[in-house]
């Protein structure tokens, strides 16, 4: 069918339909449009929340990495100090033994 023919057929159909039926259809259409707008607004809000949460998660992951590096560095410092204490203790023991001799 050509667009003009389709338009004529729709016009005939609307003329034959009772006004109540047209009014119900119109109200239903308006409700569906409002529902669609509401769903789109909700989806937009959810997407914004997801973006914010992703940003927070990235920040937390960076903080965790900083803490891991800090802990690793602290462990290395402790090992170094333990070695230094051990050497000083050996020197002290050596000095004590010389004093006793």
Foldseek 3Di string as FASTA:
>chain_A
DDPVVVVVVVVVVVVPDDVVVVVVVVVVVVVVVVVVVVVVVVVVVVVVVVVVVVVVVVVVVVVVVVVVVVVVVVVVVVVVVVVVVVVVVVVVVVVVVVVVD
